[in-house]
Amino acid sequence: MDKQDIVQIKMPYEAARTTAVVPSRAVQLKIGKNKSVIIYNKANGYIVETVLKAVFHDAH
């Protein structure tokens, strides 16, 4: 029997209803005279890490 990689689940109606969270600005970094980077509170960690590594080239 083959195992499926994706399994569908069904949430109860009450659990599926959530209030929408509107992203808000978490931090704004000035990186030049007319440039800045804005990171929002709902950004995934790997996206934030990638952006910071691109801005700060010597970051590990």
Protein backbone atom coordinates (compact mmCIF):
# COMPACT_ATOMS: atom_id res chain seq x y z
CA MET A 1 0.00 0.00 0.00
CA ASP A 2 1.41 3.42 -1.02
CA LYS A 3 1.40 6.21 1.54
CA GLN A 4 0.07 9.58 0.43
CA ASP A 5 2.28 12.65 0.80
CA ILE A 6 -0.71 14.97 1.14
CA VAL A 7 -3.63 14.18 3.40
CA GLN A 8 -6.80 16.27 3.28
CA ILE A 9 -8.32 17.26 6.61
CA LYS A 10 -11.62 18.94 7.30
CA MET A 11 -11.92 21.46 10.11
CA PRO A 12 -15.16 21.93 11.98
CA TYR A 13 -16.99 25.04 10.80
CA GLU A 14 -16.45 26.93 14.07
CA ALA A 15 -12.72 26.22 14.08
CA ALA A 16 -12.35 27.27 10.44
CA ARG A 17 -13.75 30.74 11.11
CA THR A 18 -10.99 33.05 12.23
CA THR A 19 -10.65 36.77 12.27
CA ALA A 20 -8.37 38.11 9.61
CA VAL A 21 -5.10 39.47 10.93
CA VAL A 22 -4.03 42.53 9.02
CA PRO A 23 -0.26 42.69 8.61
CA SER A 24 1.31 45.75 10.15
CA ARG A 25 4.77 47.20 9.85
CA ALA A 26 7.11 45.52 12.33
CA VAL A 27 10.35 47.27 11.39
CA GLN A 28 11.64 49.65 8.75
CA LEU A 29 15.37 49.75 8.02
CA LYS A 30 16.97 52.59 6.09
CA ILE A 31 19.65 51.13 3.82
CA GLY A 32 20.51 54.16 1.74
CA LYS A 33 19.69 57.79 1.14
CA ASN A 34 16.42 56.98 -0.63
CA LYS A 35 16.04 53.27 0.15
CA SER A 36 14.45 51.36 2.98
CA VAL A 37 13.26 47.85 3.74
CA ILE A 38 9.96 47.29 5.51
CA ILE A 39 9.31 43.98 7.27
CA TYR A 40 5.76 43.18 8.29
CA ASN A 41 4.67 41.21 11.36
CA LYS A 42 3.30 38.28 9.32
CA ALA A 43 6.48 37.67 7.28
CA ASN A 44 7.85 34.14 7.48
CA GLY A 45 11.19 33.72 9.23
CA TYR A 46 13.02 32.39 6.18
CA ILE A 47 11.87 35.38 4.12
CA VAL A 48 13.07 37.81 6.80
CA GLU A 49 16.40 35.98 7.01
CA THR A 50 16.87 36.12 3.23
CA VAL A 51 16.06 39.83 3.07
CA LEU A 52 18.44 40.64 5.93
CA LYS A 53 21.23 38.61 4.33
CA ALA A 54 20.70 40.48 1.04
CA VAL A 55 20.80 43.85 2.81
CA PHE A 56 23.68 43.04 5.16
CA HIS A 57 26.08 41.14 2.92
CA ASP A 58 28.39 40.06 5.76
CA ALA A 59 25.58 38.52 7.87
CA HIS A 60 25.75 34.81 8.67
